[in-house]
C-alpha cells in the first residue's frame, strides 16, 4: 500500500495580502491542504512565530516562538 500524496507549496517573500490569496488558492485547489507560515518579523530578537492553517478556518494553530 502506498502512502498518500500531499501537495507541498512553498510561499516566500509575500506580504500578508498576497500570502493570504496564495493560501486561499491552495485550499481551493487542494482540499485538506495545510499551510505553515513562519513570521520572521522578530527573528533578530530570537523569536519566530509559526502559524499552521488548515483547510478549515476554525482549525488554525499559532505557536509563539521562544525568546
Protein backbone atom coordinates (compact mmCIF):
# COMPACT_ATOMS: atom_id res chain seq x y z
CA UNK A 1 0.00 0.00 0.00
CA UNK A 2 1.43 3.38 -0.95
CA UNK A 3 1.40 6.49 1.23
CA UNK A 4 -0.97 9.30 0.29
CA UNK A 5 0.46 12.14 -1.79
CA UNK A 6 0.38 15.50 -0.04
CA UNK A 7 1.00 18.56 -2.23
CA UNK A 8 3.53 20.97 -0.77
CA UNK A 9 3.68 24.62 -1.81
CA UNK A 10 6.41 26.93 -0.55
CA UNK A 11 5.30 30.57 -0.48
CA UNK A 12 8.04 33.06 0.34
CA UNK A 13 8.62 36.78 0.18
CA UNK A 14 4.97 37.83 0.03
CA UNK A 15 3.29 40.49 2.12
CA UNK A 16 0.19 39.49 4.09
CA UNK A 17 -2.45 40.18 1.42
CA UNK A 18 -0.64 38.26 -1.32
CA UNK A 19 0.20 35.40 1.06
CA UNK A 20 -3.44 35.13 2.14
CA UNK A 21 -4.53 34.99 -1.52
CA UNK A 22 -1.94 32.31 -2.33
CA UNK A 23 -3.05 30.16 0.61
CA UNK A 24 -6.72 30.61 -0.37
CA UNK A 25 -5.89 29.33 -3.88
CA UNK A 26 -4.00 26.39 -2.33
CA UNK A 27 -7.06 25.44 -0.27
CA UNK A 28 -9.40 25.78 -3.27
CA UNK A 29 -7.26 23.58 -5.49
CA UNK A 30 -6.19 21.06 -2.84
CA UNK A 31 -8.88 20.38 -0.23
CA UNK A 32 -7.36 19.16 3.01
CA UNK A 33 -4.09 21.04 2.42
CA UNK A 34 -2.13 22.61 5.27
CA UNK A 35 -0.29 25.96 5.15
CA UNK A 36 2.57 26.76 7.53
CA UNK A 37 3.73 30.36 7.95
CA UNK A 38 6.86 31.40 9.81
CA UNK A 39 6.78 35.07 10.82
CA UNK A 40 10.38 36.25 10.88
CA UNK A 41 9.47 39.81 11.93
CA UNK A 42 11.19 39.43 15.31
CA UNK A 43 13.88 36.97 14.27
CA UNK A 44 16.62 39.45 15.14
CA UNK A 45 15.33 39.20 18.71
CA UNK A 46 15.46 35.41 18.53
CA UNK A 47 11.72 34.84 18.03
CA UNK A 48 9.97 33.16 15.10
CA UNK A 49 6.20 32.62 15.25
CA UNK A 50 4.72 29.66 13.38
CA UNK A 51 1.10 29.67 12.19
CA UNK A 52 -0.39 26.44 10.88
CA UNK A 53 -3.54 26.89 8.80
CA UNK A 54 -5.76 24.05 7.71
CA UNK A 55 -8.47 23.98 5.06
CA UNK A 56 -10.83 24.69 7.98
CA UNK A 57 -10.81 28.34 9.14
CA UNK A 58 -11.57 27.26 12.71
CA UNK A 59 -8.62 24.86 12.95
CA UNK A 60 -5.65 27.26 12.79
CA UNK A 61 -2.86 26.95 15.34
CA UNK A 62 -0.45 29.72 16.31
CA UNK A 63 2.74 28.74 18.11
CA UNK A 64 4.62 31.73 19.51
CA UNK A 65 8.37 31.41 19.29
CA UNK A 66 10.53 31.25 22.36
CA UNK A 67 12.66 34.30 23.12
